[in-house]
Amino acid sequence: MQIRRYIVGVDGSLPSRAAIRWAIGHAREHGAEVTLAHIADDEWGAVGAELIDEVDAGARRLLDGEVAYARSLEGTAGLRAELLSGSPMTVLASLGDAESMLVVGTHKTGFHYGRAFGSRSLQLANLAVGPVTIVPDTESRLRRGVVVGVDDSAAGNAALDLAADLACDHHCELIAVRSAGASATGAARRETEPEQLAQYDDDARRLLAAAVERVRRRQPGITIRSRVVRRPPGTALNDIARSAEVLVVGDSRREEAQPGGLGSVAYDVLLNVSSPTIVVHAPPAVPAEPQPEGEAHVVR
């Protein structure tokens, strides 16, 4: 996956500034451009023209302030800005594509606050077709390593590839994590027969071994660790990634779901985000080449 542009949703908040710093830092490594996008909520469309003008002027001042902040950082040669109106997450999602990374900040870290403050991040990750990064405002310069959730879906493979590339770029360790028997948790798991638990563990190890082999083919020079956990995957991933530079997960949706949706693992991760987290959707399907028709056989 090659990211050519980082698009940051900005709103003047501290998490917004954290998202700007994250995007500029990553764009600088790859020579990608950065776009700061502020979307004025179109709920104001129902009020008078004078108030609409006032809101537009305020939105312009806010965006100018975010641009000034971004320009104070290193590596902003390719900086652009866009002022738009509409439903913020819907409009922001429409700006992305498979080669653009959407980036937003969040106030929320931890389950207690997740349902109150995480809804917009969830909405964006649901709507986007390309990768989305959620950046908490609890930054730390001590973060090291890349953590990736492992599954055998197309989105899971895309997440694994991106995580391997990030670990190579940052010269850090990659930790691949798989939950054994992800669908059996709590009381249901305690009631599972030991033989079945052992089978879950074996299946998880086989999946991890295949993931490690895929990473070694793609980035042979990086250090890889793999872990099988017996906890709900979303909880385990956030706990393991608490001190990581970034957590990468596939969208974990079912194959029959609509493109761009979120599955339960990605949903749980975003409710309780503990580190910068990238949600990766499956790459667009490549249409099959039309097959030439065979010769007709005519019986005379």
C-alpha atoms as a PDB file:
ATOM      1  CA  MET A   1       0.000   0.000   0.000  1.00  0.00           C
ATOM      2  CA  GLN A   2       1.445   3.342  -1.079  1.00  0.00           C
ATOM      3  CA  ILE A   3       0.108   6.441   0.659  1.00  0.00           C
ATOM      4  CA  ARG A   4       0.448   9.522  -1.545  1.00  0.00           C
ATOM      5  CA  ARG A   5      -1.598  11.958   0.528  1.00  0.00           C
ATOM      6  CA  TYR A   6      -2.580  12.468   4.166  1.00  0.00           C
ATOM      7  CA  ILE A   7      -5.910  14.235   4.698  1.00  0.00           C
ATOM      8  CA  VAL A   8      -6.379  15.556   8.232  1.00  0.00           C
ATOM      9  CA  GLY A   9      -9.788  16.515   9.567  1.00  0.00           C
ATOM     10  CA  VAL A  10      -9.179  19.606  11.727  1.00  0.00           C
ATOM     11  CA  ASP A  11     -11.414  21.414  14.218  1.00  0.00           C
ATOM     12  CA  GLY A  12      -9.060  23.503  16.361  1.00  0.00           C
ATOM     13  CA  SER A  13      -8.956  21.030  19.268  1.00  0.00           C
ATOM     14  CA  LEU A  14      -5.928  19.482  20.980  1.00  0.00           C
ATOM     15  CA  PRO A  15      -6.623  16.076  19.364  1.00  0.00           C
ATOM     16  CA  SER A  16      -6.780  17.874  16.012  1.00  0.00           C
ATOM     17  CA  ARG A  17      -3.273  19.224  16.628  1.00  0.00           C
ATOM     18  CA  ALA A  18      -2.108  15.707  17.557  1.00  0.00           C
ATOM     19  CA  ALA A  19      -3.514  14.437  14.247  1.00  0.00           C
ATOM     20  CA  ILE A  20      -1.687  17.201  12.353  1.00  0.00           C
ATOM     21  CA  ARG A  21       1.628  16.297  13.990  1.00  0.00           C
ATOM     22  CA  TRP A  22       1.128  12.598  13.283  1.00  0.00           C
ATOM     23  CA  ALA A  23       0.228  13.143   9.628  1.00  0.00           C
ATOM     24  CA  ILE A  24       3.066  15.566   8.934  1.00  0.00           C
ATOM     25  CA  GLY A  25       5.586  13.269  10.596  1.00  0.00           C
ATOM     26  CA  HIS A  26       4.523  10.309   8.455  1.00  0.00           C
ATOM     27  CA  ALA A  27       4.169  12.336   5.256  1.00  0.00           C
ATOM     28  CA  ARG A  28       7.684  13.698   5.707  1.00  0.00           C
ATOM     29  CA  GLU A  29       9.086  10.150   5.653  1.00  0.00           C
ATOM     30  CA  HIS A  30       7.497   9.375   2.276  1.00  0.00           C
ATOM     31  CA  GLY A  31       7.443  12.713   0.496  1.00  0.00           C
ATOM     32  CA  ALA A  32       3.632  12.698   0.553  1.00  0.00           C
ATOM     33  CA  GLU A  33       1.474  15.811   0.589  1.00  0.00           C
ATOM     34  CA  VAL A  34      -0.743  16.825   3.504  1.00  0.00           C
ATOM     35  CA  THR A  35      -4.188  18.376   3.202  1.00  0.00           C
ATOM     36  CA  LEU A  36      -5.889  19.987   6.194  1.00  0.00           C
ATOM     37  CA  ALA A  37      -9.664  19.813   5.763  1.00  0.00           C
ATOM     38  CA  HIS A  38     -12.179  21.650   7.915  1.00  0.00           C
ATOM     39  CA  ILE A  39     -15.827  20.852   7.271  1.00  0.00           C
ATOM     40  CA  ALA A  40     -18.351  23.394   8.525  1.00  0.00           C
ATOM     41  CA  ASP A  41     -21.410  21.455   9.657  1.00  0.00           C
ATOM     42  CA  ASP A  42     -24.328  22.160   7.319  1.00  0.00           C
ATOM     43  CA  GLU A  43     -26.821  22.238  10.190  1.00  0.00           C
ATOM     44  CA  TRP A  44     -26.354  25.992   9.857  1.00  0.00           C
ATOM     45  CA  GLY A  45     -28.141  25.851   6.502  1.00  0.00           C
ATOM     46  CA  ALA A  46     -31.481  26.387   8.224  1.00  0.00           C
ATOM     47  CA  VAL A  47     -30.593  29.753   9.776  1.00  0.00           C
ATOM     48  CA  GLY A  48     -30.343  33.236   8.345  1.00  0.00           C
ATOM     49  CA  ALA A  49     -27.795  34.340   5.754  1.00  0.00           C
ATOM     50  CA  GLU A  50     -26.081  36.744   8.169  1.00  0.00           C
ATOM     51  CA  LEU A  51     -25.407  33.973  10.685  1.00  0.00           C
ATOM     52  CA  ILE A  52     -24.230  31.650   7.904  1.00  0.00           C
ATOM     53  CA  ASP A  53     -21.679  34.282   6.844  1.00  0.00           C
ATOM     54  CA  GLU A  54     -20.517  34.558  10.452  1.00  0.00           C
ATOM     55  CA  VAL A  55     -20.100  30.788  10.715  1.00  0.00           C
ATOM     56  CA  ASP A  56     -18.188  30.674   7.416  1.00  0.00           C
ATOM     57  CA  ALA A  57     -15.864  33.443   8.603  1.00  0.00           C
ATOM     58  CA  GLY A  58     -15.249  31.568  11.857  1.00  0.00           C
ATOM     59  CA  ALA A  59     -14.522  28.369   9.953  1.00  0.00           C
ATOM     60  CA  ARG A  60     -12.020  30.210   7.754  1.00  0.00           C
ATOM     61  CA  ARG A  61     -10.266  31.663  10.811  1.00  0.00           C
ATOM     62  CA  LEU A  62     -10.122  28.222  12.405  1.00  0.00           C
ATOM     63  CA  LEU A  63      -8.613  26.655   9.290  1.00  0.00           C
ATOM     64  CA  ASP A  64      -6.107  29.501   8.927  1.00  0.00           C
ATOM     65  CA  GLY A  65      -5.029  28.883  12.526  1.00  0.00           C
ATOM     66  CA  GLU A  66      -4.536  25.168  11.889  1.00  0.00           C
ATOM     67  CA  VAL A  67      -2.532  25.901   8.738  1.00  0.00           C
ATOM     68  CA  ALA A  68      -0.330  28.337  10.665  1.00  0.00           C
ATOM     69  CA  TYR A  69       0.255  25.674  13.321  1.00  0.00           C
ATOM     70  CA  ALA A  70       1.100  23.053  10.695  1.00  0.00           C
ATOM     71  CA  ARG A  71       3.554  25.393   8.971  1.00  0.00           C
ATOM     72  CA  SER A  72       5.365  25.851  12.291  1.00  0.00           C
ATOM     73  CA  LEU A  73       6.329  22.168  12.120  1.00  0.00           C
ATOM     74  CA  GLU A  74       9.078  20.700   9.968  1.00  0.00           C
ATOM     75  CA  GLY A  75       8.302  19.015   6.677  1.00  0.00           C
ATOM     76  CA  THR A  76       5.247  20.940   5.478  1.00  0.00           C
ATOM     77  CA  ALA A  77       6.362  21.804   1.943  1.00  0.00           C
ATOM     78  CA  GLY A  78       3.399  19.988   0.375  1.00  0.00           C
ATOM     79  CA  LEU A  79       0.737  21.463   2.667  1.00  0.00           C
ATOM     80  CA  ARG A  80      -2.725  22.273   1.300  1.00  0.00           C
ATOM     81  CA  ALA A  81      -5.969  23.353   2.955  1.00  0.00           C
ATOM     82  CA  GLU A  82      -9.637  22.870   2.096  1.00  0.00           C
ATOM     83  CA  LEU A  83     -12.707  24.511   3.642  1.00  0.00           C
ATOM     84  CA  LEU A  84     -15.875  22.546   2.943  1.00  0.00           C
ATOM     85  CA  SER A  85     -19.393  22.279   4.300  1.00  0.00           C
ATOM     86  CA  GLY A  86     -21.716  19.382   4.969  1.00  0.00           C
ATOM     87  CA  SER A  87     -21.879  16.474   7.373  1.00  0.00           C
ATOM     88  CA  PRO A  88     -18.256  16.470   8.646  1.00  0.00           C
ATOM     89  CA  MET A  89     -17.475  12.738   8.654  1.00  0.00           C
ATOM     90  CA  THR A  90     -19.399  12.049   5.449  1.00  0.00           C
ATOM     91  CA  VAL A  91     -17.583  14.811   3.574  1.00  0.00           C
ATOM     92  CA  LEU A  92     -14.197  13.838   5.027  1.00  0.00           C
ATOM     93  CA  ALA A  93     -14.724  10.202   4.040  1.00  0.00           C
ATOM     94  CA  SER A  94     -15.557  11.281   0.481  1.00  0.00           C
ATOM     95  CA  LEU A  95     -12.110  12.900   0.155  1.00  0.00           C
ATOM     96  CA  GLY A  96     -10.260   9.626   0.674  1.00  0.00           C
ATOM     97  CA  ASP A  97      -9.285   6.798  -1.637  1.00  0.00           C
ATOM     98  CA  ALA A  98      -7.069   3.722  -1.536  1.00  0.00           C
ATOM     99  CA  GLU A  99      -3.887   5.855  -1.719  1.00  0.00           C
ATOM    100  CA  SER A 100      -4.981   8.548   0.752  1.00  0.00           C
ATOM    101  CA  MET A 101      -4.804   8.253   4.541  1.00  0.00           C
ATOM    102  CA  LEU A 102      -7.594  10.011   6.434  1.00  0.00           C
ATOM    103  CA  VAL A 103      -6.422  11.197   9.865  1.00  0.00           C
ATOM    104  CA  VAL A 104      -8.477  12.514  12.794  1.00  0.00           C
ATOM    105  CA  GLY A 105      -7.770  13.083  16.460  1.00  0.00           C
ATOM    106  CA  THR A 106      -9.812  11.866  19.408  1.00  0.00           C
ATOM    107  CA  HIS A 107     -10.205  12.975  23.025  1.00  0.00           C
ATOM    108  CA  LYS A 108     -11.199   9.501  24.054  1.00  0.00           C
ATOM    109  CA  THR A 109      -8.970   6.798  25.484  1.00  0.00           C
ATOM    110  CA  GLY A 110     -10.609   3.980  27.401  1.00  0.00           C
ATOM    111  CA  PHE A 111     -13.965   2.233  27.490  1.00  0.00           C
ATOM    112  CA  HIS A 112     -15.730   4.601  29.892  1.00  0.00           C
ATOM    113  CA  TYR A 113     -15.487   7.490  27.451  1.00  0.00           C
ATOM    114  CA  GLY A 114     -15.596   5.524  24.227  1.00  0.00           C
ATOM    115  CA  ARG A 115     -19.299   5.513  23.547  1.00  0.00           C
ATOM    116  CA  ALA A 116     -19.609   9.228  24.246  1.00  0.00           C
ATOM    117  CA  PHE A 117     -16.702  10.556  22.222  1.00  0.00           C
ATOM    118  CA  GLY A 118     -15.789   7.804  19.766  1.00  0.00           C
ATOM    119  CA  SER A 119     -18.857   7.915  17.540  1.00  0.00           C
ATOM    120  CA  ARG A 120     -17.376  10.246  14.906  1.00  0.00           C
ATOM    121  CA  SER A 121     -14.221   8.153  14.577  1.00  0.00           C
ATOM    122  CA  LEU A 122     -16.376   5.062  14.161  1.00  0.00           C
ATOM    123  CA  GLN A 123     -18.537   6.827  11.603  1.00  0.00           C
ATOM    124  CA  LEU A 124     -15.488   7.869   9.582  1.00  0.00           C
ATOM    125  CA  ALA A 125     -13.954   4.390   9.642  1.00  0.00           C
ATOM    126  CA  ASN A 126     -17.312   2.954   8.550  1.00  0.00           C
ATOM    127  CA  LEU A 127     -17.711   5.352   5.634  1.00  0.00           C
ATOM    128  CA  ALA A 128     -14.137   5.450   4.316  1.00  0.00           C
ATOM    129  CA  VAL A 129     -12.940   3.175   1.525  1.00  0.00           C
ATOM    130  CA  GLY A 130      -9.233   3.800   2.196  1.00  0.00           C
ATOM    131  CA  PRO A 131      -7.176   3.646   5.410  1.00  0.00           C
ATOM    132  CA  VAL A 132      -8.152   5.772   8.415  1.00  0.00           C
ATOM    133  CA  THR A 133      -5.934   6.763  11.351  1.00  0.00           C
ATOM    134  CA  ILE A 134      -7.377   7.722  14.745  1.00  0.00           C
ATOM    135  CA  VAL A 135      -4.850   9.649  16.867  1.00  0.00           C
ATOM    136  CA  PRO A 136      -5.458  10.072  20.626  1.00  0.00           C
ATOM    137  CA  ASP A 137      -4.200  13.253  22.250  1.00  0.00           C
ATOM    138  CA  THR A 138      -2.186  11.207  24.789  1.00  0.00           C
ATOM    139  CA  GLU A 139       0.988  11.266  22.731  1.00  0.00           C
ATOM    140  CA  SER A 140       4.295   9.934  23.992  1.00  0.00           C
ATOM    141  CA  ARG A 141       7.767  10.154  22.505  1.00  0.00           C
ATOM    142  CA  LEU A 142       8.538   6.850  24.231  1.00  0.00           C
ATOM    143  CA  ARG A 143       6.218   4.842  21.983  1.00  0.00           C
ATOM    144  CA  ARG A 144       8.031   2.106  20.059  1.00  0.00           C
ATOM    145  CA  GLY A 145       7.002  -0.725  17.798  1.00  0.00           C
ATOM    146  CA  VAL A 146       4.121  -1.582  15.485  1.00  0.00           C
ATOM    147  CA  VAL A 147       1.306  -3.919  16.546  1.00  0.00           C
ATOM    148  CA  VAL A 148      -0.965  -5.631  14.018  1.00  0.00           C
ATOM    149  CA  GLY A 149      -4.059  -7.754  14.446  1.00  0.00           C
ATOM    150  CA  VAL A 150      -3.914 -10.909  12.327  1.00  0.00           C
ATOM    151  CA  ASP A 151      -6.757 -12.532  10.405  1.00  0.00           C
ATOM    152  CA  ASP A 152      -6.992 -14.221   7.029  1.00  0.00           C
ATOM    153  CA  SER A 153      -9.289 -11.722   5.301  1.00  0.00           C
ATOM    154  CA  ALA A 154      -8.295  -9.445   2.418  1.00  0.00           C
ATOM    155  CA  ALA A 155      -8.403  -6.461   4.789  1.00  0.00           C
ATOM    156  CA  GLY A 156      -6.332  -8.403   7.331  1.00  0.00           C
ATOM    157  CA  ASN A 157      -3.654  -9.105   4.718  1.00  0.00           C
ATOM    158  CA  ALA A 158      -3.637  -5.442   3.666  1.00  0.00           C
ATOM    159  CA  ALA A 159      -3.230  -4.440   7.330  1.00  0.00           C
ATOM    160  CA  LEU A 160      -0.356  -6.905   7.735  1.00  0.00           C
ATOM    161  CA  ASP A 161       1.432  -5.525   4.663  1.00  0.00           C
ATOM    162  CA  LEU A 162       1.040  -1.930   5.857  1.00  0.00           C
ATOM    163  CA  ALA A 163       2.239  -2.825   9.356  1.00  0.00           C
ATOM    164  CA  ALA A 164       5.323  -4.556   7.927  1.00  0.00           C
ATOM    165  CA  ASP A 165       6.144  -1.502   5.818  1.00  0.00           C
ATOM    166  CA  LEU A 166       5.729   0.824   8.815  1.00  0.00           C
ATOM    167  CA  ALA A 167       8.001  -1.345  10.978  1.00  0.00           C
ATOM    168  CA  CYS A 168      10.629  -1.262   8.221  1.00  0.00           C
ATOM    169  CA  ASP A 169      10.336   2.504   7.762  1.00  0.00           C
ATOM    170  CA  HIS A 170      10.592   3.159  11.503  1.00  0.00           C
ATOM    171  CA  HIS A 171      13.330   0.554  12.130  1.00  0.00           C
ATOM    172  CA  CYS A 172      11.276  -1.030  14.876  1.00  0.00           C
ATOM    173  CA  GLU A 173       9.792  -4.345  15.932  1.00  0.00           C
ATOM    174  CA  LEU A 174       6.531  -5.737  14.552  1.00  0.00           C
ATOM    175  CA  ILE A 175       4.242  -7.598  16.961  1.00  0.00           C
ATOM    176  CA  ALA A 176       1.613  -9.793  15.274  1.00  0.00           C
ATOM    177  CA  VAL A 177      -1.326 -10.727  17.510  1.00  0.00           C
ATOM    178  CA  ARG A 178      -4.033 -13.346  17.067  1.00  0.00           C
ATOM    179  CA  SER A 179      -6.833 -14.145  19.506  1.00  0.00           C
ATOM    180  CA  ALA A 180      -7.502 -17.882  19.822  1.00  0.00           C
ATOM    181  CA  GLY A 181     -11.189 -18.659  19.429  1.00  0.00           C
ATOM    182  CA  ALA A 182     -12.132 -15.002  19.024  1.00  0.00           C
ATOM    183  CA  SER A 183     -15.845 -15.796  19.029  1.00  0.00           C
ATOM    184  CA  ALA A 184     -15.679 -17.627  22.365  1.00  0.00           C
ATOM    185  CA  THR A 185     -15.114 -15.206  25.227  1.00  0.00           C
ATOM    186  CA  GLY A 186     -16.006 -14.973  28.907  1.00  0.00           C
ATOM    187  CA  ALA A 187     -18.334 -17.680  30.230  1.00  0.00           C
ATOM    188  CA  ALA A 188     -18.699 -19.254  26.783  1.00  0.00           C
ATOM    189  CA  ARG A 189     -14.957 -19.789  26.598  1.00  0.00           C
ATOM    190  CA  ARG A 190     -14.727 -21.168  30.151  1.00  0.00           C
ATOM    191  CA  GLU A 191     -17.317 -23.795  29.202  1.00  0.00           C
ATOM    192  CA  THR A 192     -15.355 -24.870  26.117  1.00  0.00           C
ATOM    193  CA  GLU A 193     -13.738 -28.298  26.301  1.00  0.00           C
ATOM    194  CA  PRO A 194      -9.925 -28.316  26.750  1.00  0.00           C
ATOM    195  CA  GLU A 195      -9.530 -30.170  23.454  1.00  0.00           C
ATOM    196  CA  GLN A 196     -11.442 -27.447  21.657  1.00  0.00           C
ATOM    197  CA  LEU A 197      -9.342 -24.733  23.335  1.00  0.00           C
ATOM    198  CA  ALA A 198      -6.194 -26.534  22.191  1.00  0.00           C
ATOM    199  CA  GLN A 199      -7.615 -26.626  18.662  1.00  0.00           C
ATOM    200  CA  TYR A 200      -8.305 -22.867  18.825  1.00  0.00           C
ATOM    201  CA  ASP A 201      -4.705 -22.282  19.911  1.00  0.00           C
ATOM    202  CA  ASP A 202      -3.323 -24.494  17.135  1.00  0.00           C
ATOM    203  CA  ASP A 203      -5.443 -22.705  14.535  1.00  0.00           C
ATOM    204  CA  ALA A 204      -4.226 -19.329  15.815  1.00  0.00           C
ATOM    205  CA  ARG A 205      -0.588 -20.459  15.672  1.00  0.00           C
ATOM    206  CA  ARG A 206      -0.993 -21.695  12.101  1.00  0.00           C
ATOM    207  CA  LEU A 207      -2.527 -18.391  11.074  1.00  0.00           C
ATOM    208  CA  LEU A 208       0.283 -16.487  12.802  1.00  0.00           C
ATOM    209  CA  ALA A 209       2.930 -18.659  11.138  1.00  0.00           C
ATOM    210  CA  ALA A 210       1.452 -17.838   7.728  1.00  0.00           C
ATOM    211  CA  ALA A 211       1.350 -14.138   8.658  1.00  0.00           C
ATOM    212  CA  VAL A 212       4.999 -14.166   9.764  1.00  0.00           C
ATOM    213  CA  GLU A 213       5.994 -15.867   6.511  1.00  0.00           C
ATOM    214  CA  ARG A 214       4.114 -13.215   4.521  1.00  0.00           C
ATOM    215  CA  VAL A 215       5.897 -10.435   6.436  1.00  0.00           C
ATOM    216  CA  ARG A 216       9.330 -12.040   5.958  1.00  0.00           C
ATOM    217  CA  ARG A 217       8.783 -12.202   2.214  1.00  0.00           C
ATOM    218  CA  ARG A 218       7.749  -8.553   2.129  1.00  0.00           C
ATOM    219  CA  GLN A 219      10.208  -7.067   4.657  1.00  0.00           C
ATOM    220  CA  PRO A 220      12.942  -9.632   5.389  1.00  0.00           C
ATOM    221  CA  GLY A 221      15.010  -7.253   7.515  1.00  0.00           C
ATOM    222  CA  ILE A 222      12.567  -6.500  10.336  1.00  0.00           C
ATOM    223  CA  THR A 223      12.221  -8.174  13.735  1.00  0.00           C
ATOM    224  CA  ILE A 224       8.881  -9.955  14.197  1.00  0.00           C
ATOM    225  CA  ARG A 225       7.261 -11.295  17.345  1.00  0.00           C
ATOM    226  CA  SER A 226       3.980 -13.193  17.339  1.00  0.00           C
ATOM    227  CA  ARG A 227       1.523 -13.672  20.190  1.00  0.00           C
ATOM    228  CA  VAL A 228      -1.526 -15.865  20.673  1.00  0.00           C
ATOM    229  CA  VAL A 229      -3.900 -14.430  23.283  1.00  0.00           C
ATOM    230  CA  ARG A 230      -6.958 -15.929  24.965  1.00  0.00           C
ATOM    231  CA  ARG A 231      -8.843 -12.689  25.394  1.00  0.00           C
ATOM    232  CA  PRO A 232     -11.327 -10.758  23.278  1.00  0.00           C
ATOM    233  CA  PRO A 233      -9.237  -9.476  20.351  1.00  0.00           C
ATOM    234  CA  GLY A 234     -10.167  -5.788  20.636  1.00  0.00           C
ATOM    235  CA  THR A 235      -9.231  -5.648  24.318  1.00  0.00           C
ATOM    236  CA  ALA A 236      -6.005  -7.594  23.786  1.00  0.00           C
ATOM    237  CA  LEU A 237      -4.885  -5.435  20.860  1.00  0.00           C
ATOM    238  CA  ASN A 238      -5.417  -2.178  22.746  1.00  0.00           C
ATOM    239  CA  ASP A 239      -3.607  -3.498  25.826  1.00  0.00           C
ATOM    240  CA  ILE A 240      -0.607  -4.731  23.832  1.00  0.00           C
ATOM    241  CA  ALA A 241      -0.475  -1.527  21.744  1.00  0.00           C
ATOM    242  CA  ARG A 242      -0.668   0.848  24.710  1.00  0.00           C
ATOM    243  CA  SER A 243       3.010   1.813  24.350  1.00  0.00           C
ATOM    244  CA  ALA A 244       3.294   1.177  20.589  1.00  0.00           C
ATOM    245  CA  GLU A 245       3.889   3.771  17.884  1.00  0.00           C
ATOM    246  CA  VAL A 246       0.882   2.505  15.990  1.00  0.00           C
ATOM    247  CA  LEU A 247      -1.707  -0.274  15.975  1.00  0.00           C
ATOM    248  CA  VAL A 248      -2.900  -1.562  12.587  1.00  0.00           C
ATOM    249  CA  VAL A 249      -6.106  -3.564  12.159  1.00  0.00           C
ATOM    250  CA  GLY A 250      -8.179  -4.734   9.221  1.00  0.00           C
ATOM    251  CA  ASP A 251     -11.800  -3.668   9.174  1.00  0.00           C
ATOM    252  CA  SER A 252     -12.731  -7.211  10.375  1.00  0.00           C
ATOM    253  CA  ARG A 253     -16.081  -7.078   8.600  1.00  0.00           C
ATOM    254  CA  ARG A 254     -17.777 -10.169   7.261  1.00  0.00           C
ATOM    255  CA  GLU A 255     -17.204 -10.936   3.599  1.00  0.00           C
ATOM    256  CA  GLU A 256     -20.876 -10.379   2.745  1.00  0.00           C
ATOM    257  CA  ALA A 257     -20.954  -6.930   4.410  1.00  0.00           C
ATOM    258  CA  GLN A 258     -21.040  -3.732   2.404  1.00  0.00           C
ATOM    259  CA  PRO A 259     -17.622  -2.309   1.370  1.00  0.00           C
ATOM    260  CA  GLY A 260     -16.172   0.095   3.909  1.00  0.00           C
ATOM    261  CA  GLY A 261     -17.996  -1.260   6.956  1.00  0.00           C
ATOM    262  CA  LEU A 262     -16.518  -2.252  10.314  1.00  0.00           C
ATOM    263  CA  GLY A 263     -16.541  -5.630  12.016  1.00  0.00           C
ATOM    264  CA  SER A 264     -16.681  -6.256  15.739  1.00  0.00           C
ATOM    265  CA  VAL A 265     -12.904  -6.303  16.344  1.00  0.00           C
ATOM    266  CA  ALA A 266     -12.223  -2.965  14.644  1.00  0.00           C
ATOM    267  CA  TYR A 267     -15.293  -1.519  16.365  1.00  0.00           C
ATOM    268  CA  ASP A 268     -14.064  -2.595  19.816  1.00  0.00           C
ATOM    269  CA  VAL A 269     -10.557  -1.308  19.114  1.00  0.00           C
ATOM    270  CA  LEU A 270     -11.831   2.149  18.155  1.00  0.00           C
ATOM    271  CA  LEU A 271     -14.118   2.375  21.184  1.00  0.00           C
ATOM    272  CA  ASN A 272     -11.105   1.978  23.460  1.00  0.00           C
ATOM    273  CA  VAL A 273      -8.235   3.340  21.376  1.00  0.00           C
ATOM    274  CA  SER A 274      -4.977   3.476  23.363  1.00  0.00           C
ATOM    275  CA  SER A 275      -2.478   4.474  20.660  1.00  0.00           C
ATOM    276  CA  PRO A 276      -2.514   5.860  17.109  1.00  0.00           C
ATOM    277  CA  THR A 277      -4.642   3.282  15.296  1.00  0.00           C
ATOM    278  CA  ILE A 278      -4.955   2.616  11.563  1.00  0.00           C
ATOM    279  CA  VAL A 279      -8.020   0.816  10.212  1.00  0.00           C
ATOM    280  CA  VAL A 280      -7.399  -0.758   6.801  1.00  0.00           C
ATOM    281  CA  HIS A 281     -10.147  -1.797   4.398  1.00  0.00           C
ATOM    282  CA  ALA A 282      -9.775  -4.499   1.778  1.00  0.00           C
ATOM    283  CA  PRO A 283      -8.315  -3.265  -1.522  1.00  0.00           C
ATOM    284  CA  PRO A 284     -10.828  -2.749  -4.327  1.00  0.00           C
ATOM    285  CA  ALA A 285     -11.634  -5.913  -6.214  1.00  0.00           C
ATOM    286  CA  VAL A 286      -9.976  -6.136  -9.616  1.00  0.00           C
ATOM    287  CA  PRO A 287     -12.534  -7.003 -12.298  1.00  0.00           C
ATOM    288  CA  ALA A 288     -11.829 -10.349 -13.900  1.00  0.00           C
ATOM    289  CA  GLU A 289     -10.629 -10.276 -17.482  1.00  0.00           C
ATOM    290  CA  PRO A 290     -13.377 -11.396 -19.848  1.00  0.00           C
ATOM    291  CA  GLN A 291     -12.681 -14.895 -21.094  1.00  0.00           C
ATOM    292  CA  PRO A 292     -12.821 -15.507 -24.875  1.00  0.00           C
ATOM    293  CA  GLU A 293     -15.756 -17.578 -25.901  1.00  0.00           C
ATOM    294  CA  GLY A 294     -14.992 -21.037 -27.177  1.00  0.00           C
ATOM    295  CA  GLU A 295     -15.665 -22.089 -30.744  1.00  0.00           C
ATOM    296  CA  ALA A 296     -19.189 -23.198 -31.460  1.00  0.00           C
ATOM    297  CA  HIS A 297     -19.575 -26.840 -32.326  1.00  0.00           C
ATOM    298  CA  VAL A 298     -22.208 -27.314 -34.952  1.00  0.00           C
ATOM    299  CA  VAL A 299     -23.704 -30.707 -35.557  1.00  0.00           C
ATOM    300  CA  ARG A 300     -24.739 -31.155 -39.130  1.00  0.00           C
END
